[in-house]
Amino acid sequence: MNKKTTGIVSYITLIGWLIAFFAGDKEGAKFHLNQSLVLWICNLVLTIITNIVGNFGTVGAILSIVCLVCSIALFVFWIIGLVRACKEDETPLPIIGGIQILK
């Protein structure tokens, strides 16, 4: 896969990210691989937090709403990242774009 295809596939699903990481142009698409990995990890953390705090009554309900808003923001960031991968633009995502996992 070339750089553009690798970047696009990395955003599709977690399995797509794994395929892009192992079979794609890892060096050329490292930026989008990193951005999509950060999105997947943030989504996983939010899912775990939502499942844990959901049983805490009123406080849990408020925290679940906060997690829902964060999940919507991550969805918007996912769309932005996918569009940028299609355009081969390497502008970092808002808020979480500065996190670098892959070196």
N, C-alpha and C. Protein backbone atom coordinates (compact mmCIF):
# COMPACT_ATOMS: atom_id res chain seq x y z
N MET A 1 0.85 -1.18 0.00
CA MET A 1 0.00 0.00 0.00
C MET A 1 0.89 1.24 0.00
N ASN A 2 0.45 2.25 -0.70
CA ASN A 2 1.20 3.49 -0.70
C ASN A 2 0.86 4.33 0.53
N LYS A 3 1.48 5.47 0.66
CA LYS A 3 1.33 6.34 1.83
C LYS A 3 -0.12 6.77 2.04
N LYS A 4 -0.78 7.19 0.99
CA LYS A 4 -2.15 7.68 1.09
C LYS A 4 -3.11 6.57 1.52
N THR A 5 -3.00 5.42 0.88
CA THR A 5 -3.88 4.29 1.21
C THR A 5 -3.63 3.82 2.63
N THR A 6 -2.39 3.76 3.04
CA THR A 6 -2.06 3.34 4.40
C THR A 6 -2.67 4.29 5.41
N GLY A 7 -2.58 5.59 5.17
CA GLY A 7 -3.17 6.58 6.07
C GLY A 7 -4.68 6.44 6.17
N ILE A 8 -5.33 6.22 5.04
CA ILE A 8 -6.80 6.09 5.03
C ILE A 8 -7.22 4.81 5.76
N VAL A 9 -6.58 3.69 5.45
CA VAL A 9 -6.95 2.41 6.06
C VAL A 9 -6.73 2.43 7.57
N SER A 10 -5.75 3.18 8.03
CA SER A 10 -5.46 3.21 9.46
C SER A 10 -6.61 3.82 10.27
N TYR A 11 -7.43 4.65 9.65
CA TYR A 11 -8.56 5.27 10.35
C TYR A 11 -9.82 4.41 10.32
N ILE A 12 -9.91 3.44 9.43
CA ILE A 12 -11.18 2.73 9.21
C ILE A 12 -11.61 1.91 10.43
N THR A 13 -10.84 0.96 10.86
CA THR A 13 -11.15 0.17 12.06
C THR A 13 -9.84 -0.14 12.76
N LEU A 14 -9.93 -0.74 13.90
CA LEU A 14 -8.70 -1.15 14.59
C LEU A 14 -7.98 -2.23 13.79
N ILE A 15 -8.73 -3.11 13.16
CA ILE A 15 -8.13 -4.12 12.28
C ILE A 15 -7.48 -3.43 11.09
N GLY A 16 -8.13 -2.39 10.56
CA GLY A 16 -7.54 -1.62 9.47
C GLY A 16 -6.23 -0.98 9.90
N TRP A 17 -6.19 -0.50 11.14
CA TRP A 17 -4.95 0.09 11.65
C TRP A 17 -3.84 -0.96 11.68
N LEU A 18 -4.17 -2.16 12.15
CA LEU A 18 -3.18 -3.23 12.21
C LEU A 18 -2.68 -3.60 10.81
N ILE A 19 -3.61 -3.69 9.85
CA ILE A 19 -3.22 -3.99 8.47
C ILE A 19 -2.32 -2.88 7.93
N ALA A 20 -2.70 -1.64 8.18
CA ALA A 20 -1.89 -0.52 7.69
C ALA A 20 -0.51 -0.52 8.35
N PHE A 21 -0.46 -0.85 9.62
CA PHE A 21 0.82 -0.85 10.34
C PHE A 21 1.75 -1.95 9.83
N PHE A 22 1.22 -3.14 9.62
CA PHE A 22 2.07 -4.26 9.24
C PHE A 22 2.28 -4.41 7.74
N ALA A 23 1.30 -3.98 6.92
CA ALA A 23 1.41 -4.22 5.47
C ALA A 23 1.57 -2.94 4.66
N GLY A 24 1.42 -1.80 5.29
CA GLY A 24 1.45 -0.56 4.53
C GLY A 24 2.81 0.13 4.56
N ASP A 25 2.82 1.32 4.00
CA ASP A 25 4.01 2.17 3.97
C ASP A 25 4.13 2.83 5.34
N LYS A 26 4.74 2.11 6.28
CA LYS A 26 4.80 2.55 7.67
C LYS A 26 5.55 3.88 7.81
N GLU A 27 6.63 4.04 7.09
CA GLU A 27 7.42 5.27 7.22
C GLU A 27 6.70 6.47 6.61
N GLY A 28 6.08 6.27 5.45
CA GLY A 28 5.40 7.37 4.78
C GLY A 28 4.14 7.83 5.50
N ALA A 29 3.43 6.89 6.11
CA ALA A 29 2.16 7.21 6.76
C ALA A 29 2.26 7.19 8.28
N LYS A 30 3.46 7.30 8.81
CA LYS A 30 3.64 7.24 10.26
C LYS A 30 2.81 8.30 10.99
N PHE A 31 2.67 9.48 10.39
CA PHE A 31 1.90 10.55 11.02
C PHE A 31 0.45 10.11 11.22
N HIS A 32 -0.19 9.59 10.17
CA HIS A 32 -1.60 9.19 10.28
C HIS A 32 -1.76 7.90 11.09
N LEU A 33 -0.78 7.02 11.05
CA LEU A 33 -0.83 5.85 11.92
C LEU A 33 -0.83 6.27 13.39
N ASN A 34 -0.01 7.25 13.72
CA ASN A 34 0.06 7.75 15.09
C ASN A 34 -1.25 8.43 15.48
N GLN A 35 -1.76 9.29 14.62
CA GLN A 35 -2.99 10.03 14.93
C GLN A 35 -4.17 9.07 15.14
N SER A 36 -4.29 8.08 14.27
CA SER A 36 -5.41 7.14 14.41
C SER A 36 -5.22 6.25 15.64
N LEU A 37 -3.98 5.88 15.97
CA LEU A 37 -3.73 5.10 17.18
C LEU A 37 -4.13 5.88 18.43
N VAL A 38 -3.81 7.16 18.47
CA VAL A 38 -4.21 8.00 19.60
C VAL A 38 -5.73 8.05 19.71
N LEU A 39 -6.42 8.17 18.58
CA LEU A 39 -7.89 8.17 18.59
C LEU A 39 -8.43 6.86 19.14
N TRP A 40 -7.87 5.73 18.70
CA TRP A 40 -8.35 4.42 19.18
C TRP A 40 -8.10 4.26 20.68
N ILE A 41 -6.96 4.69 21.15
CA ILE A 41 -6.65 4.57 22.58
C ILE A 41 -7.57 5.47 23.41
N CYS A 42 -7.77 6.69 22.97
CA CYS A 42 -8.69 7.60 23.68
C CYS A 42 -10.10 7.03 23.72
N ASN A 43 -10.54 6.45 22.62
CA ASN A 43 -11.87 5.85 22.57
C ASN A 43 -11.97 4.67 23.53
N LEU A 44 -10.94 3.86 23.60
CA LEU A 44 -10.92 2.73 24.52
C LEU A 44 -10.98 3.20 25.98
N VAL A 45 -10.19 4.22 26.30
CA VAL A 45 -10.18 4.76 27.66
C VAL A 45 -11.56 5.32 28.03
N LEU A 46 -12.18 6.05 27.11
CA LEU A 46 -13.51 6.59 27.37
C LEU A 46 -14.54 5.48 27.56
N THR A 47 -14.44 4.43 26.79
CA THR A 47 -15.37 3.31 26.94
C THR A 47 -15.21 2.65 28.30
N ILE A 48 -13.98 2.46 28.73
CA ILE A 48 -13.74 1.85 30.04
C ILE A 48 -14.27 2.76 31.15
N ILE A 49 -13.98 4.06 31.07
CA ILE A 49 -14.45 5.00 32.08
C ILE A 49 -15.98 5.02 32.13
N THR A 50 -16.62 5.04 30.97
CA THR A 50 -18.08 5.06 30.92
C THR A 50 -18.65 3.82 31.58
N ASN A 51 -18.06 2.67 31.33
CA ASN A 51 -18.57 1.43 31.94
C ASN A 51 -18.34 1.39 33.44
N ILE A 52 -17.26 1.99 33.90
CA ILE A 52 -16.98 1.98 35.34
C ILE A 52 -17.87 2.96 36.09
N VAL A 53 -17.98 4.19 35.58
CA VAL A 53 -18.71 5.23 36.33
C VAL A 53 -20.21 5.15 36.15
N GLY A 54 -20.67 4.32 35.25
CA GLY A 54 -22.11 4.23 35.01
C GLY A 54 -22.89 3.74 36.21
N ASN A 55 -22.24 3.13 37.17
CA ASN A 55 -22.91 2.57 38.35
C ASN A 55 -22.82 3.47 39.58
N PHE A 56 -22.41 4.72 39.41
CA PHE A 56 -22.21 5.59 40.55
C PHE A 56 -23.34 6.58 40.79
N GLY A 57 -24.55 6.29 40.37
CA GLY A 57 -25.69 7.16 40.62
C GLY A 57 -25.61 8.47 39.86
N THR A 58 -25.89 9.57 40.55
CA THR A 58 -25.94 10.88 39.91
C THR A 58 -24.58 11.32 39.40
N VAL A 59 -23.56 11.11 40.19
CA VAL A 59 -22.21 11.47 39.76
C VAL A 59 -21.83 10.65 38.53
N GLY A 60 -22.17 9.38 38.53
CA GLY A 60 -21.90 8.52 37.38
C GLY A 60 -22.64 8.98 36.14
N ALA A 61 -23.88 9.45 36.33
CA ALA A 61 -24.64 9.94 35.18
C ALA A 61 -24.00 11.18 34.59
N ILE A 62 -23.53 12.07 35.45
CA ILE A 62 -22.87 13.29 34.97
C ILE A 62 -21.57 12.94 34.25
N LEU A 63 -20.78 12.05 34.84
CA LEU A 63 -19.53 11.64 34.20
C LEU A 63 -19.80 10.90 32.89
N SER A 64 -20.88 10.15 32.82
CA SER A 64 -21.24 9.46 31.58
C SER A 64 -21.59 10.46 30.49
N ILE A 65 -22.24 11.55 30.85
CA ILE A 65 -22.56 12.59 29.88
C ILE A 65 -21.29 13.27 29.40
N VAL A 66 -20.36 13.51 30.31
CA VAL A 66 -19.07 14.10 29.92
C VAL A 66 -18.34 13.16 28.96
N CYS A 67 -18.37 11.86 29.25
CA CYS A 67 -17.74 10.89 28.36
C CYS A 67 -18.43 10.84 27.01
N LEU A 68 -19.74 11.00 26.99
CA LEU A 68 -20.48 11.03 25.73
C LEU A 68 -20.06 12.22 24.89
N VAL A 69 -19.93 13.38 25.50
CA VAL A 69 -19.48 14.57 24.78
C VAL A 69 -18.07 14.37 24.24
N CYS A 70 -17.21 13.77 25.05
CA CYS A 70 -15.84 13.49 24.59
C CYS A 70 -15.84 12.48 23.44
N SER A 71 -16.73 11.50 23.50
CA SER A 71 -16.83 10.52 22.42
C SER A 71 -17.29 11.17 21.12
N ILE A 72 -18.21 12.11 21.22
CA ILE A 72 -18.65 12.85 20.03
C ILE A 72 -17.50 13.67 19.47
N ALA A 73 -16.72 14.29 20.35
CA ALA A 73 -15.56 15.05 19.89
C ALA A 73 -14.55 14.13 19.20
N LEU A 74 -14.32 12.94 19.75
CA LEU A 74 -13.41 11.98 19.11
C LEU A 74 -13.92 11.54 17.75
N PHE A 75 -15.24 11.40 17.62
CA PHE A 75 -15.82 11.04 16.32
C PHE A 75 -15.56 12.15 15.30
N VAL A 76 -15.71 13.40 15.73
CA VAL A 76 -15.43 14.53 14.84
C VAL A 76 -13.94 14.54 14.47
N PHE A 77 -13.08 14.29 15.44
CA PHE A 77 -11.64 14.23 15.17
C PHE A 77 -11.32 13.10 14.19
N TRP A 78 -12.04 11.97 14.33
CA TRP A 78 -11.85 10.84 13.42
C TRP A 78 -12.19 11.24 11.99
N ILE A 79 -13.29 11.95 11.82
CA ILE A 79 -13.68 12.40 10.48
C ILE A 79 -12.62 13.37 9.93
N ILE A 80 -12.18 14.30 10.76
CA ILE A 80 -11.16 15.26 10.35
C ILE A 80 -9.88 14.51 9.93
N GLY A 81 -9.46 13.54 10.73
CA GLY A 81 -8.26 12.78 10.41
C GLY A 81 -8.41 12.00 9.12
N LEU A 82 -9.57 11.39 8.91
CA LEU A 82 -9.81 10.63 7.68
C LEU A 82 -9.77 11.53 6.46
N VAL A 83 -10.40 12.69 6.56
CA VAL A 83 -10.38 13.64 5.43
C VAL A 83 -8.96 14.12 5.17
N ARG A 84 -8.21 14.39 6.22
CA ARG A 84 -6.82 14.83 6.04
C ARG A 84 -5.96 13.74 5.45
N ALA A 85 -6.22 12.48 5.81
CA ALA A 85 -5.47 11.38 5.21
C ALA A 85 -5.80 11.26 3.72
N CYS A 86 -7.05 11.50 3.35
CA CYS A 86 -7.44 11.47 1.93
C CYS A 86 -6.74 12.57 1.15
N LYS A 87 -6.53 13.70 1.79
CA LYS A 87 -5.86 14.84 1.14
C LYS A 87 -4.34 14.80 1.30
N GLU A 88 -3.84 13.81 2.02
CA GLU A 88 -2.42 13.69 2.36
C GLU A 88 -1.91 14.90 3.12
N ASP A 89 -2.77 15.47 3.95
CA ASP A 89 -2.44 16.62 4.79
C ASP A 89 -1.97 16.10 6.15
N GLU A 90 -0.87 16.62 6.65
CA GLU A 90 -0.34 16.16 7.93
C GLU A 90 -0.47 17.22 9.03
N THR A 91 -1.62 17.85 9.09
CA THR A 91 -1.92 18.80 10.15
C THR A 91 -2.40 18.02 11.36
N PRO A 92 -1.85 18.24 12.55
CA PRO A 92 -2.28 17.49 13.74
C PRO A 92 -3.75 17.75 14.07
N LEU A 93 -4.37 16.74 14.67
CA LEU A 93 -5.75 16.87 15.10
C LEU A 93 -5.85 17.85 16.28
N PRO A 94 -7.01 18.48 16.45
CA PRO A 94 -7.17 19.37 17.60
C PRO A 94 -7.04 18.60 18.92
N ILE A 95 -6.53 19.22 19.92
CA ILE A 95 -6.40 18.75 21.30
C ILE A 95 -5.46 17.55 21.44
N ILE A 96 -5.73 16.45 20.74
CA ILE A 96 -4.94 15.23 20.92
C ILE A 96 -3.85 15.06 19.87
N GLY A 97 -3.73 15.99 18.95
CA GLY A 97 -2.78 15.85 17.85
C GLY A 97 -1.32 15.90 18.28
N GLY A 98 -1.04 16.46 19.44
CA GLY A 98 0.35 16.58 19.89
C GLY A 98 0.88 15.33 20.57
N ILE A 99 -0.01 14.36 20.83
CA ILE A 99 0.42 13.13 21.48
C ILE A 99 1.11 12.25 20.45
N GLN A 100 2.31 11.82 20.77
CA GLN A 100 3.05 10.98 19.84
C GLN A 100 3.38 9.65 20.49
N ILE A 101 2.84 8.58 19.94
CA ILE A 101 3.08 7.24 20.45
C ILE A 101 4.12 6.53 19.60
N LEU A 102 3.96 6.60 18.29
CA LEU A 102 4.91 5.98 17.37
C LEU A 102 6.04 6.94 17.10
N LYS A 103 7.24 6.46 17.21
CA LYS A 103 8.42 7.32 16.97
C LYS A 103 8.92 7.12 15.57
